[in-house]
Amino acid sequence: MISIKSEREISLLEEAGNIVYKTHCYLKPFIKAGITTKELDKLGEDFIRQCGATPSFKGYDGFPAAICTSVNQEVVHGIPSNRKLKNGDIITLDIGACFKGYHGDSAWTYAVGEVDDSKKYLMEHTEKSLFVGLNEIKPGKRIGDIGAAIEEYATSHKLGVIKELVGHGVGTDVHEEPDVPNYGKRGTGPILKEGMVIAVEPMLTLGSPEICILDDDWTIETEDYSLSAHYEHTVVVTKDGYKILTGGKNG
C-alpha cells in the first residue's frame, strides 16, 4: 500500500534526508586514492550517529555495513572492505539514515582523483538522467512517466538501463511501495499524489545492462564488467511538483 505522509512525517523525513546529504558532503573530501572502503564506512557510520541518527542499511536483511561502497563495475550493495581506492576509480556511496523512525536514502557516484572521459561521460549523464526523471514529478502524473523519461534520456546517450533494480517509496521503512523503475511507458503505473515520498535512482552502464550477484550474496555488478554509475534522491511530491529531501547536488 502506498502511503501519503503527514506534515509531521515529511518534516522527520526531511531531517533524515538532510543527515544523509550532510554525510555525503562529509565523506566527499576523504574519497582519495589509498583510502579503503571500510574506512569510508566507519567515517560515515560515526558521522550519522553523531547527527542523532542510525545507519538505515546496517543489519538490513543482514547487510554487514553502514553504507554501500560500489566501485567501477559494481552497481549496488558493495560491501566495504580493505580494498584501497585507486586514482581513476569511480565509487558510488549509497547512504541511508534513520531519524526518529523515518529514513533518508541517497546514492551518488564520485571520481577518485582524475578519471578518463568515458567515466566523466557516464557520471554526467547518469546524474542528468536523475533530474530528467525528477522533473516529471507532480500530482496527477504517473510512476511510468518518471521511468520513461529516464529511459529515453539514457538510451539517447547510448547508456544501458539496468531494469532489475528500481527506486522505491521511503518512510518508516527504507524500502516501501511503490517501485519506481528507471524505464517504462508514460501514463502507466500508480498516480503521483501530494505527500508521497519516493526515491528515484537511475543506475546506468557504459555497456550491457545485464547484471550478476557475487558470491558474497550482496554485491551486484555488470556481467560484462562495464562501468556503472548510480544517482539517487529521496523526494516528496508537493502540490505543484516535488521537493528534494536529501539535499542539493552532492556531486
Protein backbone atom coordinates (compact mmCIF):
# COMPACT_ATOMS: atom_id res chain seq x y z
CA MET A 1 0.00 0.00 0.00
CA ILE A 2 1.28 3.45 -0.95
CA SER A 3 1.13 5.84 1.99
CA ILE A 4 0.58 9.58 1.96
CA LYS A 5 2.79 11.26 4.55
CA SER A 6 1.56 13.87 7.02
CA GLU A 7 3.32 17.20 7.52
CA ARG A 8 4.91 15.81 10.69
CA GLU A 9 6.18 12.74 8.85
CA ILE A 10 7.54 14.84 6.00
CA SER A 11 9.46 17.04 8.45
CA LEU A 12 11.06 13.93 10.00
CA LEU A 13 11.83 12.50 6.56
CA GLU A 14 13.41 15.82 5.63
CA GLU A 15 15.60 15.73 8.73
CA ALA A 16 16.65 12.16 7.93
CA GLY A 17 17.35 13.20 4.34
CA ASN A 18 19.38 16.17 5.47
CA ILE A 19 21.57 13.89 7.60
CA VAL A 20 22.15 11.70 4.53
CA TYR A 21 23.08 14.75 2.46
CA LYS A 22 25.45 16.03 5.15
CA THR A 23 27.06 12.58 5.35
CA HIS A 24 27.75 12.68 1.61
CA CYS A 25 29.27 16.16 1.98
CA TYR A 26 31.37 15.00 4.93
CA LEU A 27 32.73 11.93 3.13
CA LYS A 28 33.49 13.54 -0.23
CA PRO A 29 36.90 15.01 0.80
CA PHE A 30 38.02 11.56 2.03
CA ILE A 31 37.43 9.93 -1.37
CA LYS A 32 41.04 9.75 -2.47
CA ALA A 33 43.48 7.10 -3.67
CA GLY A 34 44.71 4.97 -0.77
CA ILE A 35 41.66 5.07 1.49
CA THR A 36 39.84 1.78 1.99
CA THR A 37 36.11 1.38 1.54
CA LYS A 38 35.96 0.08 5.11
CA GLU A 39 37.49 3.35 6.34
CA LEU A 40 34.84 5.30 4.43
CA ASP A 41 32.16 3.12 6.01
CA LYS A 42 33.48 3.79 9.53
CA LEU A 43 33.67 7.54 8.89
CA GLY A 44 30.13 7.50 7.52
CA GLU A 45 28.65 5.49 10.37
CA ASP A 46 30.30 7.65 13.01
CA PHE A 47 29.03 10.82 11.33
CA ILE A 48 25.46 9.51 11.01
CA ARG A 49 25.41 8.59 14.70
CA GLN A 50 26.87 11.98 15.69
CA CYS A 51 23.89 13.52 13.91
CA GLY A 52 21.50 11.65 16.19
CA ALA A 53 20.52 9.05 13.60
CA THR A 54 21.31 5.40 12.90
CA PRO A 55 22.51 3.84 9.62
CA SER A 56 19.46 2.51 7.76
CA PHE A 57 21.37 -0.23 5.98
CA LYS A 58 23.36 -1.77 8.84
CA GLY A 59 21.73 -5.10 9.58
CA TYR A 60 19.04 -4.55 6.92
CA ASP A 61 18.33 -8.11 5.72
CA GLY A 62 21.73 -8.91 7.21
CA PHE A 63 23.77 -6.27 5.37
CA PRO A 64 27.01 -6.02 7.39
CA ALA A 65 27.92 -2.33 6.97
CA ALA A 66 26.53 1.17 7.39
CA ILE A 67 26.94 2.32 3.77
CA CYS A 68 27.22 0.60 0.41
CA THR A 69 30.50 1.19 -1.44
CA SER A 70 30.32 0.11 -5.09
CA VAL A 71 33.44 0.58 -7.23
CA ASN A 72 33.71 0.74 -11.05
CA GLN A 73 31.66 -2.15 -12.50
CA GLU A 74 29.88 -2.72 -9.17
CA VAL A 75 26.35 -1.35 -9.44
CA VAL A 76 24.94 -1.54 -5.91
CA HIS A 77 25.34 -3.14 -2.49
CA GLY A 78 29.13 -3.21 -2.47
CA ILE A 79 30.31 -4.34 0.97
CA PRO A 80 33.04 -2.15 2.50
CA SER A 81 36.36 -3.96 2.81
CA ASN A 82 40.12 -3.44 2.95
CA ARG A 83 40.12 -2.62 -0.76
CA LYS A 84 42.02 0.59 -1.39
CA LEU A 85 40.68 3.09 -3.88
CA LYS A 86 42.95 3.90 -6.82
CA ASN A 87 43.33 7.03 -8.89
CA GLY A 88 40.91 6.74 -11.81
CA ASP A 89 38.30 4.65 -9.97
CA ILE A 90 34.71 5.71 -9.60
CA ILE A 91 32.80 4.84 -6.44
CA THR A 92 29.14 5.02 -5.54
CA LEU A 93 28.29 5.70 -1.92
CA ASP A 94 24.72 4.67 -1.10
CA ILE A 95 23.80 6.12 2.28
CA GLY A 96 20.70 5.72 4.43
CA ALA A 97 19.96 7.29 7.80
CA CYS A 98 17.07 6.68 10.17
CA PHE A 99 15.96 9.63 12.32
CA LYS A 100 13.18 9.07 14.89
CA GLY A 101 11.92 6.12 12.88
CA TYR A 102 11.99 7.77 9.44
CA HIS A 103 14.53 7.21 6.68
CA GLY A 104 16.53 9.20 4.17
CA ASP A 105 18.21 7.47 1.21
CA SER A 106 20.59 8.86 -1.40
CA ALA A 107 23.34 7.46 -3.61
CA TRP A 108 26.00 9.41 -5.52
CA THR A 109 28.89 8.39 -7.76
CA TYR A 110 32.25 10.08 -7.19
CA ALA A 111 35.51 10.23 -9.10
CA VAL A 112 38.70 9.13 -7.33
CA GLY A 113 41.35 11.58 -8.47
CA GLU A 114 41.46 12.04 -12.24
CA VAL A 115 39.13 9.86 -14.30
CA ASP A 116 39.02 9.35 -18.04
CA ASP A 117 36.46 10.87 -20.40
CA SER A 118 34.30 7.75 -20.57
CA LYS A 119 33.82 7.80 -16.80
CA LYS A 120 33.08 11.53 -16.85
CA TYR A 121 30.50 10.93 -19.58
CA LEU A 122 28.82 8.13 -17.64
CA MET A 123 28.69 10.16 -14.43
CA GLU A 124 27.48 13.34 -16.12
CA HIS A 125 24.63 11.72 -17.98
CA THR A 126 23.53 9.37 -15.19
CA GLU A 127 23.25 12.40 -12.89
CA LYS A 128 21.35 14.33 -15.57
CA SER A 129 19.00 11.39 -16.06
CA LEU A 130 18.07 11.59 -12.38
CA PHE A 131 16.92 15.19 -12.74
CA VAL A 132 15.16 14.42 -16.03
CA GLY A 133 13.16 11.81 -14.10
CA LEU A 134 12.52 14.09 -11.14
CA ASN A 135 11.19 16.81 -13.43
CA GLU A 136 8.27 14.52 -14.33
CA ILE A 137 7.02 14.54 -10.74
CA LYS A 138 3.84 16.37 -9.83
CA PRO A 139 0.37 15.33 -8.69
CA GLY A 140 -1.61 13.57 -11.40
CA LYS A 141 1.42 12.24 -13.25
CA ARG A 142 2.29 8.55 -13.03
CA ILE A 143 5.26 6.50 -11.91
CA GLY A 144 5.69 5.31 -15.51
CA ASP A 145 6.31 8.90 -16.61
CA ILE A 146 9.44 9.01 -14.42
CA GLY A 147 10.87 5.78 -15.77
CA ALA A 148 10.03 6.63 -19.36
CA ALA A 149 11.85 9.95 -19.12
CA ILE A 150 14.96 8.33 -17.58
CA GLU A 151 14.98 5.55 -20.17
CA GLU A 152 14.55 7.98 -23.08
CA TYR A 153 17.43 10.12 -21.83
CA ALA A 154 19.71 7.15 -21.15
CA THR A 155 19.14 5.43 -24.48
CA SER A 156 19.59 8.70 -26.38
CA HIS A 157 23.04 8.89 -24.77
CA LYS A 158 23.77 5.21 -25.53
CA LEU A 159 23.80 4.14 -21.88
CA GLY A 160 22.43 0.83 -20.59
CA VAL A 161 19.43 0.93 -18.24
CA ILE A 162 19.50 -1.72 -15.50
CA LYS A 163 15.94 -3.00 -15.19
CA GLU A 164 16.19 -5.45 -12.28
CA LEU A 165 16.95 -2.65 -9.79
CA VAL A 166 14.42 0.10 -9.09
CA GLY A 167 13.66 3.09 -6.91
CA HIS A 168 11.05 2.86 -4.18
CA GLY A 169 8.86 4.55 -1.63
CA VAL A 170 10.50 5.78 1.59
CA GLY A 171 9.04 6.24 5.08
CA THR A 172 9.24 4.25 8.29
CA ASP A 173 10.83 1.54 6.13
CA VAL A 174 13.71 2.43 3.86
CA HIS A 175 12.01 0.45 1.05
CA GLU A 176 8.27 0.93 0.71
CA GLU A 177 5.73 0.81 -2.11
CA PRO A 178 5.67 1.83 -4.89
CA ASP A 179 8.52 0.52 -7.03
CA VAL A 180 9.97 3.30 -9.20
CA PRO A 181 11.59 1.73 -12.29
CA ASN A 182 14.08 3.57 -14.49
CA TYR A 183 12.16 2.53 -17.60
CA GLY A 184 8.54 2.31 -18.59
CA LYS A 185 5.65 3.80 -20.53
CA ARG A 186 4.15 7.21 -19.96
CA GLY A 187 0.67 7.20 -18.50
CA THR A 188 1.14 3.89 -16.68
CA GLY A 189 1.72 2.94 -13.05
CA PRO A 190 0.48 4.46 -9.80
CA ILE A 191 -0.72 8.06 -9.85
CA LEU A 192 1.53 10.53 -8.03
CA LYS A 193 -0.21 12.33 -5.18
CA GLU A 194 0.83 15.16 -2.88
CA GLY A 195 2.54 13.73 0.20
CA MET A 196 4.00 10.64 -1.47
CA VAL A 197 7.70 10.16 -0.72
CA ILE A 198 9.80 8.23 -3.23
CA ALA A 199 13.45 7.55 -4.03
CA VAL A 200 14.32 7.93 -7.70
CA GLU A 201 17.63 6.25 -8.56
CA PRO A 202 18.82 5.65 -12.11
CA MET A 203 21.57 3.03 -12.41
CA LEU A 204 23.15 3.20 -15.86
CA THR A 205 26.06 1.45 -17.57
CA LEU A 206 28.54 2.14 -20.35
CA GLY A 207 27.91 -1.33 -21.76
CA SER A 208 25.36 -4.08 -21.32
CA PRO A 209 22.66 -3.56 -18.66
CA GLU A 210 22.88 -7.24 -17.67
CA ILE A 211 23.92 -7.79 -14.05
CA CYS A 212 25.01 -10.61 -11.74
CA ILE A 213 25.35 -11.05 -7.99
CA LEU A 214 28.70 -12.00 -6.48
CA ASP A 215 29.44 -14.82 -4.06
CA ASP A 216 29.01 -12.51 -1.06
CA ASP A 217 25.26 -12.55 -1.90
CA TRP A 218 25.16 -8.74 -1.87
CA THR A 219 27.43 -7.06 -4.41
CA ILE A 220 25.79 -6.66 -7.82
CA GLU A 221 27.99 -5.88 -10.81
CA THR A 222 27.65 -5.68 -14.58
CA GLU A 223 28.01 -9.00 -16.36
CA ASP A 224 30.37 -7.54 -18.96
CA TYR A 225 32.38 -5.59 -16.34
CA SER A 226 31.35 -2.30 -17.94
CA LEU A 227 31.32 0.73 -15.68
CA SER A 228 28.19 1.67 -13.78
CA ALA A 229 27.02 4.89 -12.11
CA HIS A 230 24.15 5.47 -9.69
CA TYR A 231 22.48 8.69 -8.53
CA GLU A 232 19.55 8.82 -6.10
CA HIS A 233 17.48 11.40 -4.27
CA THR A 234 14.54 10.95 -1.92
CA VAL A 235 11.79 13.44 -2.78
CA VAL A 236 8.30 14.36 -1.63
CA VAL A 237 5.52 15.10 -4.11
CA THR A 238 4.27 18.66 -3.47
CA LYS A 239 1.09 20.38 -4.68
CA ASP A 240 2.85 21.67 -7.79
CA GLY A 241 5.92 19.44 -8.23
CA TYR A 242 8.46 17.90 -5.89
CA LYS A 243 10.93 18.77 -3.17
CA ILE A 244 14.27 17.02 -2.70
CA LEU A 245 14.65 15.76 0.88
CA THR A 246 18.25 14.61 0.52
CA GLY A 247 19.88 17.95 -0.23
CA GLY A 248 21.11 19.72 -3.31
CA LYS A 249 23.52 18.35 -5.88
CA ASN A 250 26.09 16.30 -3.99
CA GLY A 251 28.49 15.87 -6.85
